[in-house]
Amino acid sequence: MIKHWRKTRADRRRWAAAQTLPELADLMALWLEGELSMWPGYGAGASEETTLMIPTLTVANRGGFLTDQSQPGYSGPGFDGLLWEQRAAVTGLVADEELLTRIRRAGEAAGLLVLISHPRLLPRGRGITCTIRGGQPYTAFGEYLPIGVLRQIWRGISRLAFDAVVDAWQVCLIDPEVGRNDRLWPLLDDLFATHPTTA
């Protein structure tokens, strides 16, 4: 118990020391790999459904796409016995406009839904339902996050890092087809293998 508390405290200090969006993204990659116990918006390790996507999400983060929410495509019974229908989706933050353009163009060329907003420049976006549970809408991706919500998600980071979060583009990629996993994740693999780093 004490060891876990010390680890969490040390990890919080690492997040608080970050000054830029790339530094936050590098820490997110470490969290995905299990080297950090938490990130400011999530107090635990990656969920089981994220496991297969970790290599893709890790390379995306190290390439400048700070991911903060994702899910695989799925169609079948859930833990509660109800039918779950999921679209593969990922959301995150991008500071580099050249990278933003590459992501948008690649997503659109692959037939993905691409949602982009910005707290200061383009505040819009109600999101798209990506999970249906028992025939009812359950989870949406791509909702515009105002500054107040960003402050809650990224509590505990430095002021400089939070300014970078607010100045970043909010990006969401969604596969329009339920249950499919052979479009979004390979696209990200290809995109960030070709362009592993950004300014």
N, C-alpha and C. Protein backbone atom coordinates (compact mmCIF):
# COMPACT_ATOMS: atom_id res chain seq x y z
N MET A 1 0.82 -1.21 0.00
CA MET A 1 0.00 0.00 0.00
C MET A 1 0.86 1.26 0.00
N ILE A 2 1.87 1.29 0.89
CA ILE A 2 2.76 2.45 0.96
C ILE A 2 3.57 2.56 -0.33
N LYS A 3 4.00 1.42 -0.87
CA LYS A 3 4.77 1.43 -2.11
C LYS A 3 3.94 2.01 -3.26
N HIS A 4 2.67 1.61 -3.33
CA HIS A 4 1.78 2.13 -4.38
C HIS A 4 1.58 3.64 -4.21
N TRP A 5 1.40 4.08 -2.98
CA TRP A 5 1.21 5.52 -2.72
C TRP A 5 2.44 6.31 -3.13
N ARG A 6 3.62 5.79 -2.81
CA ARG A 6 4.85 6.48 -3.19
C ARG A 6 5.01 6.53 -4.70
N LYS A 7 4.66 5.43 -5.38
CA LYS A 7 4.75 5.38 -6.83
C LYS A 7 3.81 6.42 -7.45
N THR A 8 2.57 6.47 -6.97
CA THR A 8 1.60 7.43 -7.49
C THR A 8 2.08 8.86 -7.26
N ARG A 9 2.61 9.14 -6.09
CA ARG A 9 3.10 10.48 -5.78
C ARG A 9 4.26 10.85 -6.70
N ALA A 10 5.17 9.91 -6.92
CA ALA A 10 6.30 10.17 -7.81
C ALA A 10 5.81 10.42 -9.24
N ASP A 11 4.81 9.64 -9.67
CA ASP A 11 4.28 9.82 -11.02
C ASP A 11 3.58 11.16 -11.16
N ARG A 12 2.87 11.59 -10.14
CA ARG A 12 2.23 12.91 -10.18
C ARG A 12 3.27 14.02 -10.33
N ARG A 13 4.39 13.85 -9.68
CA ARG A 13 5.47 14.85 -9.80
C ARG A 13 6.00 14.89 -11.22
N ARG A 14 6.09 13.75 -11.87
CA ARG A 14 6.57 13.72 -13.26
C ARG A 14 5.60 14.46 -14.17
N TRP A 15 4.30 14.23 -13.99
CA TRP A 15 3.32 14.95 -14.79
C TRP A 15 3.38 16.45 -14.52
N ALA A 16 3.57 16.82 -13.25
CA ALA A 16 3.62 18.23 -12.89
C ALA A 16 4.85 18.93 -13.44
N ALA A 17 5.91 18.16 -13.71
CA ALA A 17 7.15 18.75 -14.21
C ALA A 17 7.11 19.01 -15.71
N ALA A 18 6.20 18.37 -16.43
CA ALA A 18 6.13 18.55 -17.88
C ALA A 18 5.75 19.99 -18.21
N GLN A 19 6.37 20.53 -19.28
CA GLN A 19 6.13 21.92 -19.66
C GLN A 19 5.47 22.06 -21.03
N THR A 20 5.51 21.02 -21.85
CA THR A 20 5.03 21.13 -23.23
C THR A 20 4.11 19.96 -23.57
N LEU A 21 3.39 20.09 -24.68
CA LEU A 21 2.53 19.01 -25.13
C LEU A 21 3.34 17.76 -25.50
N PRO A 22 4.46 17.87 -26.22
CA PRO A 22 5.26 16.67 -26.48
C PRO A 22 5.72 15.97 -25.20
N GLU A 23 6.05 16.74 -24.16
CA GLU A 23 6.44 16.11 -22.90
C GLU A 23 5.27 15.36 -22.28
N LEU A 24 4.07 15.93 -22.35
CA LEU A 24 2.88 15.23 -21.86
C LEU A 24 2.64 13.96 -22.67
N ALA A 25 2.83 14.05 -23.98
CA ALA A 25 2.61 12.90 -24.85
C ALA A 25 3.62 11.79 -24.54
N ASP A 26 4.87 12.15 -24.26
CA ASP A 26 5.87 11.15 -23.90
C ASP A 26 5.48 10.44 -22.60
N LEU A 27 4.95 11.21 -21.65
CA LEU A 27 4.50 10.60 -20.40
C LEU A 27 3.29 9.70 -20.63
N MET A 28 2.40 10.10 -21.54
CA MET A 28 1.25 9.24 -21.86
C MET A 28 1.73 7.92 -22.45
N ALA A 29 2.75 7.96 -23.30
CA ALA A 29 3.31 6.73 -23.85
C ALA A 29 3.85 5.84 -22.74
N LEU A 30 4.52 6.43 -21.77
CA LEU A 30 5.03 5.65 -20.63
C LEU A 30 3.89 5.05 -19.82
N TRP A 31 2.80 5.80 -19.66
CA TRP A 31 1.64 5.25 -18.95
C TRP A 31 1.06 4.07 -19.72
N LEU A 32 0.94 4.20 -21.02
CA LEU A 32 0.42 3.09 -21.84
C LEU A 32 1.29 1.86 -21.70
N GLU A 33 2.59 2.06 -21.59
CA GLU A 33 3.52 0.94 -21.45
C GLU A 33 3.60 0.40 -20.03
N GLY A 34 2.87 1.03 -19.10
CA GLY A 34 2.82 0.54 -17.73
C GLY A 34 3.91 1.08 -16.83
N GLU A 35 4.70 2.04 -17.32
CA GLU A 35 5.78 2.59 -16.49
C GLU A 35 5.29 3.67 -15.53
N LEU A 36 4.14 4.27 -15.82
CA LEU A 36 3.51 5.23 -14.91
C LEU A 36 2.19 4.65 -14.44
N SER A 37 1.83 4.93 -13.21
CA SER A 37 0.63 4.32 -12.62
C SER A 37 -0.64 5.09 -12.93
N MET A 38 -0.52 6.31 -13.43
CA MET A 38 -1.70 7.15 -13.67
C MET A 38 -1.35 8.26 -14.64
N TRP A 39 -2.38 8.90 -15.16
CA TRP A 39 -2.22 10.19 -15.82
C TRP A 39 -3.28 11.11 -15.22
N PRO A 40 -3.15 12.44 -15.35
CA PRO A 40 -4.02 13.33 -14.58
C PRO A 40 -5.51 13.08 -14.73
N GLY A 41 -5.98 12.63 -15.89
CA GLY A 41 -7.41 12.39 -16.07
C GLY A 41 -7.85 10.99 -15.76
N TYR A 42 -6.94 10.13 -15.32
CA TYR A 42 -7.26 8.71 -15.14
C TYR A 42 -6.33 8.13 -14.10
N GLY A 43 -6.89 7.65 -13.01
CA GLY A 43 -6.08 7.23 -11.88
C GLY A 43 -5.69 5.77 -11.85
N ALA A 44 -5.65 5.10 -13.01
CA ALA A 44 -5.30 3.68 -13.03
C ALA A 44 -4.55 3.37 -14.32
N GLY A 45 -4.23 2.10 -14.50
CA GLY A 45 -3.57 1.67 -15.73
C GLY A 45 -4.55 1.55 -16.87
N ALA A 46 -4.03 1.27 -18.05
CA ALA A 46 -4.88 1.14 -19.23
C ALA A 46 -5.86 -0.02 -19.07
N SER A 47 -7.06 0.14 -19.62
CA SER A 47 -8.08 -0.90 -19.51
C SER A 47 -7.71 -2.10 -20.36
N GLU A 48 -8.35 -3.23 -20.09
CA GLU A 48 -8.05 -4.47 -20.80
C GLU A 48 -8.28 -4.34 -22.30
N GLU A 49 -9.35 -3.62 -22.69
CA GLU A 49 -9.65 -3.50 -24.12
C GLU A 49 -8.62 -2.65 -24.87
N THR A 50 -7.83 -1.90 -24.13
CA THR A 50 -6.80 -1.05 -24.74
C THR A 50 -5.53 -1.83 -25.06
N THR A 51 -5.36 -3.01 -24.47
CA THR A 51 -4.10 -3.74 -24.55
C THR A 51 -3.59 -3.92 -25.97
N LEU A 52 -4.45 -4.36 -26.88
CA LEU A 52 -4.00 -4.63 -28.24
C LEU A 52 -3.63 -3.35 -29.00
N MET A 53 -4.14 -2.21 -28.53
CA MET A 53 -3.88 -0.94 -29.22
C MET A 53 -2.67 -0.20 -28.65
N ILE A 54 -2.09 -0.70 -27.57
CA ILE A 54 -1.01 0.02 -26.89
C ILE A 54 0.17 0.34 -27.82
N PRO A 55 0.67 -0.60 -28.63
CA PRO A 55 1.79 -0.22 -29.52
C PRO A 55 1.44 0.93 -30.46
N THR A 56 0.22 0.91 -31.00
CA THR A 56 -0.21 1.98 -31.91
C THR A 56 -0.34 3.30 -31.17
N LEU A 57 -0.99 3.29 -30.02
CA LEU A 57 -1.19 4.51 -29.25
C LEU A 57 0.14 5.08 -28.76
N THR A 58 1.06 4.19 -28.41
CA THR A 58 2.37 4.63 -27.93
C THR A 58 3.14 5.37 -29.02
N VAL A 59 3.18 4.78 -30.22
CA VAL A 59 3.91 5.44 -31.30
C VAL A 59 3.22 6.75 -31.71
N ALA A 60 1.90 6.79 -31.63
CA ALA A 60 1.18 8.04 -31.95
C ALA A 60 1.54 9.13 -30.95
N ASN A 61 1.57 8.78 -29.67
CA ASN A 61 1.94 9.77 -28.65
C ASN A 61 3.37 10.26 -28.87
N ARG A 62 4.27 9.36 -29.14
CA ARG A 62 5.66 9.76 -29.34
C ARG A 62 5.84 10.53 -30.64
N GLY A 63 4.83 10.44 -31.52
CA GLY A 63 4.87 11.19 -32.76
C GLY A 63 4.17 12.52 -32.69
N GLY A 64 3.64 12.90 -31.50
CA GLY A 64 3.04 14.21 -31.35
C GLY A 64 1.53 14.24 -31.20
N PHE A 65 0.88 13.09 -31.21
CA PHE A 65 -0.58 13.01 -31.03
C PHE A 65 -0.84 12.53 -29.61
N LEU A 66 -1.14 13.47 -28.70
CA LEU A 66 -1.38 13.14 -27.30
C LEU A 66 -2.78 12.53 -27.17
N THR A 67 -2.85 11.21 -27.15
CA THR A 67 -4.15 10.55 -27.08
C THR A 67 -4.69 10.56 -25.65
N ASP A 68 -6.01 10.70 -25.53
CA ASP A 68 -6.60 10.71 -24.19
C ASP A 68 -7.84 9.82 -24.06
N GLN A 69 -8.32 9.26 -25.16
CA GLN A 69 -9.46 8.35 -25.10
C GLN A 69 -9.43 7.49 -26.36
N SER A 70 -9.70 6.20 -26.19
CA SER A 70 -9.72 5.32 -27.35
C SER A 70 -10.54 4.08 -27.03
N GLN A 71 -11.00 3.42 -28.08
CA GLN A 71 -11.67 2.14 -27.92
C GLN A 71 -11.57 1.36 -29.23
N PRO A 72 -11.52 0.03 -29.12
CA PRO A 72 -11.51 -0.78 -30.34
C PRO A 72 -12.93 -0.94 -30.88
N GLY A 73 -13.01 -1.33 -32.15
CA GLY A 73 -14.28 -1.73 -32.69
C GLY A 73 -14.69 -3.06 -32.08
N TYR A 74 -15.98 -3.22 -31.84
CA TYR A 74 -16.45 -4.48 -31.22
C TYR A 74 -17.95 -4.61 -31.44
N SER A 75 -18.40 -5.83 -31.61
CA SER A 75 -19.82 -6.11 -31.66
C SER A 75 -20.06 -7.48 -31.04
N GLY A 76 -20.74 -7.50 -29.91
CA GLY A 76 -20.98 -8.76 -29.22
C GLY A 76 -21.44 -8.51 -27.80
N PRO A 77 -21.54 -9.58 -27.01
CA PRO A 77 -21.99 -9.43 -25.63
C PRO A 77 -20.96 -8.71 -24.78
N GLY A 78 -21.45 -7.85 -23.89
CA GLY A 78 -20.58 -7.15 -22.97
C GLY A 78 -20.53 -7.83 -21.63
N PHE A 79 -19.83 -7.23 -20.68
CA PHE A 79 -19.69 -7.81 -19.34
C PHE A 79 -21.03 -7.96 -18.65
N ASP A 80 -22.02 -7.15 -19.08
CA ASP A 80 -23.33 -7.15 -18.45
C ASP A 80 -24.35 -8.03 -19.19
N GLY A 81 -23.88 -8.74 -20.22
CA GLY A 81 -24.77 -9.61 -20.99
C GLY A 81 -25.54 -8.92 -22.09
N LEU A 82 -25.47 -7.60 -22.14
CA LEU A 82 -26.15 -6.85 -23.20
C LEU A 82 -25.28 -6.81 -24.46
N LEU A 83 -25.91 -6.52 -25.59
CA LEU A 83 -25.18 -6.38 -26.84
C LEU A 83 -24.48 -5.02 -26.84
N TRP A 84 -23.17 -5.05 -27.07
CA TRP A 84 -22.37 -3.84 -27.19
C TRP A 84 -21.92 -3.70 -28.63
N GLU A 85 -22.13 -2.53 -29.21
CA GLU A 85 -21.70 -2.24 -30.57
C GLU A 85 -20.80 -1.02 -30.53
N GLN A 86 -19.53 -1.23 -30.85
CA GLN A 86 -18.54 -0.15 -30.74
C GLN A 86 -17.90 0.14 -32.08
N ARG A 87 -17.69 1.43 -32.33
CA ARG A 87 -16.87 1.87 -33.44
C ARG A 87 -15.46 2.13 -32.91
N ALA A 88 -14.45 1.72 -33.65
CA ALA A 88 -13.08 2.06 -33.27
C ALA A 88 -12.93 3.58 -33.30
N ALA A 89 -12.32 4.13 -32.26
CA ALA A 89 -12.21 5.59 -32.17
C ALA A 89 -11.03 5.98 -31.28
N VAL A 90 -10.50 7.16 -31.55
CA VAL A 90 -9.42 7.71 -30.72
C VAL A 90 -9.57 9.23 -30.72
N THR A 91 -9.31 9.82 -29.58
CA THR A 91 -9.29 11.28 -29.47
C THR A 91 -7.97 11.71 -28.84
N GLY A 92 -7.62 12.96 -29.08
CA GLY A 92 -6.40 13.47 -28.47
C GLY A 92 -6.13 14.90 -28.87
N LEU A 93 -4.93 15.35 -28.57
CA LEU A 93 -4.53 16.73 -28.79
C LEU A 93 -3.31 16.79 -29.71
N VAL A 94 -3.33 17.76 -30.61
CA VAL A 94 -2.23 17.95 -31.55
C VAL A 94 -1.85 19.43 -31.55
N ALA A 95 -0.58 19.72 -31.33
CA ALA A 95 -0.11 21.10 -31.33
C ALA A 95 0.42 21.53 -32.69
N ASP A 96 1.02 20.60 -33.41
CA ASP A 96 1.68 20.91 -34.67
C ASP A 96 0.67 20.90 -35.82
N GLU A 97 0.53 22.03 -36.51
CA GLU A 97 -0.50 22.13 -37.55
C GLU A 97 -0.17 21.29 -38.77
N GLU A 98 1.09 21.07 -39.05
CA GLU A 98 1.46 20.18 -40.16
C GLU A 98 1.00 18.75 -39.85
N LEU A 99 1.23 18.31 -38.62
CA LEU A 99 0.77 16.99 -38.21
C LEU A 99 -0.75 16.92 -38.25
N LEU A 100 -1.41 17.97 -37.79
CA LEU A 100 -2.87 18.02 -37.84
C LEU A 100 -3.37 17.80 -39.27
N THR A 101 -2.75 18.47 -40.22
CA THR A 101 -3.14 18.34 -41.62
C THR A 101 -2.92 16.91 -42.11
N ARG A 102 -1.77 16.30 -41.75
CA ARG A 102 -1.51 14.92 -42.17
C ARG A 102 -2.54 13.96 -41.60
N ILE A 103 -2.88 14.14 -40.32
CA ILE A 103 -3.87 13.27 -39.70
C ILE A 103 -5.22 13.43 -40.39
N ARG A 104 -5.63 14.67 -40.62
CA ARG A 104 -6.93 14.92 -41.24
C ARG A 104 -6.99 14.31 -42.64
N ARG A 105 -5.97 14.56 -43.44
CA ARG A 105 -5.97 14.05 -44.81
C ARG A 105 -5.95 12.53 -44.84
N ALA A 106 -5.13 11.92 -43.99
CA ALA A 106 -5.05 10.46 -43.96
C ALA A 106 -6.37 9.86 -43.49
N GLY A 107 -6.97 10.46 -42.47
CA GLY A 107 -8.25 9.96 -41.97
C GLY A 107 -9.35 10.05 -43.01
N GLU A 108 -9.44 11.18 -43.67
CA GLU A 108 -10.47 11.36 -44.69
C GLU A 108 -10.24 10.41 -45.87
N ALA A 109 -8.98 10.23 -46.29
CA ALA A 109 -8.68 9.33 -47.40
C ALA A 109 -9.04 7.88 -47.06
N ALA A 110 -8.96 7.52 -45.77
CA ALA A 110 -9.29 6.16 -45.35
C ALA A 110 -10.78 5.97 -45.08
N GLY A 111 -11.57 7.03 -45.26
CA GLY A 111 -13.00 6.92 -45.02
C GLY A 111 -13.40 7.02 -43.57
N LEU A 112 -12.52 7.56 -42.74
CA LEU A 112 -12.83 7.74 -41.32
C LEU A 112 -13.56 9.07 -41.12
N LEU A 113 -14.28 9.16 -40.02
CA LEU A 113 -14.87 10.43 -39.60
C LEU A 113 -13.80 11.19 -38.84
N VAL A 114 -13.56 12.43 -39.23
CA VAL A 114 -12.52 13.25 -38.60
C VAL A 114 -13.18 14.48 -38.00
N LEU A 115 -13.08 14.62 -36.69
CA LEU A 115 -13.67 15.76 -35.97
C LEU A 115 -12.53 16.58 -35.38
N ILE A 116 -12.55 17.89 -35.62
CA ILE A 116 -11.50 18.78 -35.13
C ILE A 116 -12.15 20.00 -34.50
N SER A 117 -11.67 20.36 -33.32
CA SER A 117 -12.13 21.59 -32.68
C SER A 117 -10.96 22.21 -31.92
N HIS A 118 -11.18 23.42 -31.41
CA HIS A 118 -10.14 24.15 -30.69
C HIS A 118 -10.82 25.08 -29.70
N PRO A 119 -10.41 25.06 -28.42
CA PRO A 119 -11.08 25.89 -27.42
C PRO A 119 -11.10 27.37 -27.73
N ARG A 120 -10.08 27.87 -28.46
CA ARG A 120 -10.02 29.30 -28.72
C ARG A 120 -10.38 29.67 -30.16
N LEU A 121 -10.11 28.74 -31.09
CA LEU A 121 -10.27 29.08 -32.50
C LEU A 121 -11.49 28.44 -33.16
N LEU A 122 -11.84 27.25 -32.74
CA LEU A 122 -12.93 26.52 -33.39
C LEU A 122 -13.74 25.74 -32.35
N PRO A 123 -14.44 26.47 -31.47
CA PRO A 123 -15.19 25.79 -30.40
C PRO A 123 -16.51 25.21 -30.91
N ARG A 124 -16.49 23.95 -31.24
CA ARG A 124 -17.70 23.31 -31.73
C ARG A 124 -17.56 21.80 -31.54
N GLY A 125 -18.58 21.07 -31.91
CA GLY A 125 -18.51 19.62 -31.91
C GLY A 125 -19.28 18.99 -30.77
N ARG A 126 -20.36 18.32 -31.12
CA ARG A 126 -21.15 17.62 -30.10
C ARG A 126 -20.78 16.16 -30.00
N GLY A 127 -19.90 15.72 -30.87
CA GLY A 127 -19.46 14.34 -30.82
C GLY A 127 -20.40 13.41 -31.57
N ILE A 128 -19.96 12.16 -31.68
CA ILE A 128 -20.70 11.13 -32.39
C ILE A 128 -20.77 9.90 -31.50
N THR A 129 -21.92 9.28 -31.41
CA THR A 129 -22.08 8.08 -30.61
C THR A 129 -21.21 6.97 -31.20
N CYS A 130 -20.34 6.41 -30.37
CA CYS A 130 -19.44 5.35 -30.81
C CYS A 130 -19.70 4.03 -30.10
N THR A 131 -20.49 4.05 -29.05
CA THR A 131 -20.85 2.81 -28.37
C THR A 131 -22.35 2.79 -28.14
N ILE A 132 -22.96 1.69 -28.55
CA ILE A 132 -24.38 1.45 -28.28
C ILE A 132 -24.46 0.23 -27.39
N ARG A 133 -25.11 0.38 -26.25
CA ARG A 133 -25.22 -0.70 -25.26
C ARG A 133 -26.68 -1.08 -25.13
N GLY A 134 -26.99 -2.31 -25.46
CA GLY A 134 -28.37 -2.76 -25.36
C GLY A 134 -29.33 -1.94 -26.19
N GLY A 135 -28.86 -1.47 -27.34
CA GLY A 135 -29.71 -0.69 -28.23
C GLY A 135 -29.81 0.78 -27.90
N GLN A 136 -29.09 1.23 -26.86
CA GLN A 136 -29.16 2.64 -26.44
C GLN A 136 -27.78 3.31 -26.56
N PRO A 137 -27.75 4.57 -27.00
CA PRO A 137 -26.46 5.28 -27.05
C PRO A 137 -25.79 5.28 -25.68
N TYR A 138 -24.49 5.02 -25.68
CA TYR A 138 -23.78 4.86 -24.41
C TYR A 138 -22.55 5.76 -24.30
N THR A 139 -21.75 5.83 -25.35
CA THR A 139 -20.53 6.63 -25.32
C THR A 139 -20.39 7.43 -26.61
N ALA A 140 -20.02 8.70 -26.46
CA ALA A 140 -19.75 9.55 -27.63
C ALA A 140 -18.27 9.93 -27.64
N PHE A 141 -17.73 10.08 -28.83
CA PHE A 141 -16.36 10.55 -29.01
C PHE A 141 -16.39 11.83 -29.83
N GLY A 142 -15.40 12.68 -29.62
CA GLY A 142 -15.25 13.88 -30.42
C GLY A 142 -16.02 15.08 -29.94
N GLU A 143 -16.55 15.01 -28.71
CA GLU A 143 -17.25 16.17 -28.16
C GLU A 143 -16.24 17.29 -27.89
N TYR A 144 -16.62 18.49 -28.23
CA TYR A 144 -15.77 19.65 -27.94
C TYR A 144 -15.57 19.78 -26.43
N LEU A 145 -14.33 19.96 -26.01
CA LEU A 145 -14.00 20.10 -24.59
C LEU A 145 -13.64 21.55 -24.29
N PRO A 146 -14.50 22.27 -23.58
CA PRO A 146 -14.17 23.66 -23.23
C PRO A 146 -13.05 23.70 -22.20
N ILE A 147 -12.53 24.89 -21.98
CA ILE A 147 -11.37 25.06 -21.11
C ILE A 147 -11.65 24.53 -19.70
N GLY A 148 -12.85 24.73 -19.18
CA GLY A 148 -13.17 24.25 -17.83
C GLY A 148 -13.07 22.73 -17.73
N VAL A 149 -13.50 22.02 -18.75
CA VAL A 149 -13.41 20.56 -18.76
C VAL A 149 -11.96 20.12 -18.90
N LEU A 150 -11.21 20.81 -19.76
CA LEU A 150 -9.79 20.50 -19.88
C LEU A 150 -9.06 20.68 -18.56
N ARG A 151 -9.46 21.70 -17.81
CA ARG A 151 -8.82 21.95 -16.52
C ARG A 151 -9.09 20.79 -15.55
N GLN A 152 -10.29 20.22 -15.60
CA GLN A 152 -10.60 19.07 -14.74
C GLN A 152 -9.80 17.84 -15.16
N ILE A 153 -9.74 17.60 -16.48
CA ILE A 153 -9.04 16.42 -16.98
C ILE A 153 -7.55 16.49 -16.68
N TRP A 154 -6.96 17.67 -16.88
CA TRP A 154 -5.51 17.82 -16.76
C TRP A 154 -5.10 18.50 -15.46
N ARG A 155 -5.85 18.30 -14.41
CA ARG A 155 -5.49 18.90 -13.12
C ARG A 155 -4.15 18.34 -12.65
N GLY A 156 -3.37 19.23 -12.08
CA GLY A 156 -2.08 18.81 -11.53
C GLY A 156 -0.90 19.02 -12.45
N ILE A 157 -1.15 19.40 -13.71
CA ILE A 157 -0.01 19.67 -14.59
C ILE A 157 0.40 21.15 -14.44
N SER A 158 1.57 21.49 -14.95
CA SER A 158 2.06 22.85 -14.80
C SER A 158 1.22 23.82 -15.61
N ARG A 159 1.35 25.10 -15.27
CA ARG A 159 0.60 26.12 -16.02
C ARG A 159 1.03 26.16 -17.48
N LEU A 160 2.33 26.03 -17.72
CA LEU A 160 2.82 26.03 -19.10
C LEU A 160 2.25 24.85 -19.89
N ALA A 161 2.22 23.69 -19.26
CA ALA A 161 1.69 22.51 -19.94
C ALA A 161 0.19 22.67 -20.19
N PHE A 162 -0.53 23.25 -19.22
CA PHE A 162 -1.96 23.44 -19.43
C PHE A 162 -2.22 24.45 -20.55
N ASP A 163 -1.42 25.49 -20.61
CA ASP A 163 -1.55 26.45 -21.72
C ASP A 163 -1.37 25.74 -23.06
N ALA A 164 -0.43 24.78 -23.11
CA ALA A 164 -0.21 24.02 -24.34
C ALA A 164 -1.41 23.14 -24.66
N VAL A 165 -2.05 22.58 -23.64
CA VAL A 165 -3.27 21.78 -23.84
C VAL A 165 -4.38 22.64 -24.42
N VAL A 166 -4.55 23.84 -23.86
CA VAL A 166 -5.61 24.74 -24.35
C VAL A 166 -5.32 25.22 -25.76
N ASP A 167 -4.06 25.40 -26.09
CA ASP A 167 -3.69 25.89 -27.42
C ASP A 167 -3.68 24.80 -28.48
N ALA A 168 -3.86 23.53 -28.07
CA ALA A 168 -3.79 22.42 -29.02
C ALA A 168 -5.14 22.18 -29.70
N TRP A 169 -5.07 21.53 -30.85
CA TRP A 169 -6.27 21.12 -31.58
C TRP A 169 -6.80 19.83 -30.97
N GLN A 170 -8.10 19.77 -30.77
CA GLN A 170 -8.76 18.55 -30.29
C GLN A 170 -9.14 17.73 -31.52
N VAL A 171 -8.59 16.53 -31.62
CA VAL A 171 -8.74 15.71 -32.82
C VAL A 171 -9.38 14.38 -32.46
N CYS A 172 -10.33 13.95 -33.29
CA CYS A 172 -10.99 12.66 -33.08
C CYS A 172 -11.09 11.94 -34.42
N LEU A 173 -10.72 10.67 -34.44
CA LEU A 173 -10.87 9.80 -35.60
C LEU A 173 -11.80 8.66 -35.24
N ILE A 174 -12.79 8.43 -36.08
CA ILE A 174 -13.80 7.40 -35.80
C ILE A 174 -14.00 6.55 -37.05
N ASP A 175 -13.99 5.25 -36.89
CA ASP A 175 -14.36 4.36 -37.99
C ASP A 175 -15.88 4.33 -38.05
N PRO A 176 -16.49 4.66 -39.18
CA PRO A 176 -17.95 4.68 -39.23
C PRO A 176 -18.60 3.31 -39.14
N GLU A 177 -17.82 2.24 -39.32
CA GLU A 177 -18.38 0.89 -39.32
C GLU A 177 -18.19 0.23 -37.95
N VAL A 178 -19.27 -0.24 -37.36
CA VAL A 178 -19.22 -0.92 -36.06
C VAL A 178 -18.38 -2.19 -36.16
N GLY A 179 -17.55 -2.41 -35.16
CA GLY A 179 -16.83 -3.67 -35.04
C GLY A 179 -15.55 -3.79 -35.83
N ARG A 180 -15.23 -2.81 -36.66
CA ARG A 180 -14.07 -2.93 -37.54
C ARG A 180 -12.81 -2.38 -36.86
N ASN A 181 -11.70 -3.11 -37.02
CA ASN A 181 -10.43 -2.68 -36.44
C ASN A 181 -9.29 -2.66 -37.45
N ASP A 182 -9.60 -2.82 -38.72
CA ASP A 182 -8.54 -2.91 -39.72
C ASP A 182 -8.38 -1.64 -40.54
N ARG A 183 -8.89 -0.52 -40.02
CA ARG A 183 -8.76 0.73 -40.75
C ARG A 183 -8.08 1.82 -39.90
N LEU A 184 -8.64 2.13 -38.74
CA LEU A 184 -8.10 3.21 -37.91
C LEU A 184 -6.70 2.89 -37.41
N TRP A 185 -6.52 1.73 -36.80
CA TRP A 185 -5.24 1.42 -36.15
C TRP A 185 -4.11 1.25 -37.17
N PRO A 186 -4.31 0.55 -38.30
CA PRO A 186 -3.25 0.52 -39.31
C PRO A 186 -2.92 1.91 -39.87
N LEU A 187 -3.94 2.76 -40.00
CA LEU A 187 -3.69 4.12 -40.47
C LEU A 187 -2.73 4.85 -39.54
N LEU A 188 -2.97 4.76 -38.24
CA LEU A 188 -2.09 5.42 -37.28
C LEU A 188 -0.69 4.81 -37.30
N ASP A 189 -0.63 3.47 -37.41
CA ASP A 189 0.68 2.82 -37.51
C ASP A 189 1.46 3.36 -38.70
N ASP A 190 0.81 3.43 -39.85
CA ASP A 190 1.48 3.90 -41.06
C ASP A 190 1.87 5.37 -40.94
N LEU A 191 0.95 6.18 -40.43
CA LEU A 191 1.19 7.61 -40.34
C LEU A 191 2.39 7.92 -39.46
N PHE A 192 2.47 7.27 -38.30
CA PHE A 192 3.53 7.62 -37.35
C PHE A 192 4.81 6.82 -37.56
N ALA A 193 4.73 5.73 -38.32
CA ALA A 193 5.97 5.05 -38.72
C ALA A 193 6.69 5.88 -39.77
N THR A 194 5.90 6.57 -40.61
CA THR A 194 6.47 7.41 -41.66
C THR A 194 6.98 8.73 -41.09
N HIS A 195 6.25 9.25 -40.09
CA HIS A 195 6.59 10.55 -39.48
C HIS A 195 6.69 10.35 -37.97
N PRO A 196 7.78 9.73 -37.47
CA PRO A 196 7.87 9.39 -36.06
C PRO A 196 7.97 10.55 -35.10
N THR A 197 8.40 11.71 -35.57
CA THR A 197 8.52 12.85 -34.66
C THR A 197 7.99 14.10 -35.32
N THR A 198 7.58 15.05 -34.49
CA THR A 198 7.14 16.36 -34.99
C THR A 198 7.86 17.43 -34.20
N ALA A 199 7.79 18.66 -34.70
CA ALA A 199 8.45 19.78 -34.02
C ALA A 199 7.73 20.11 -32.74
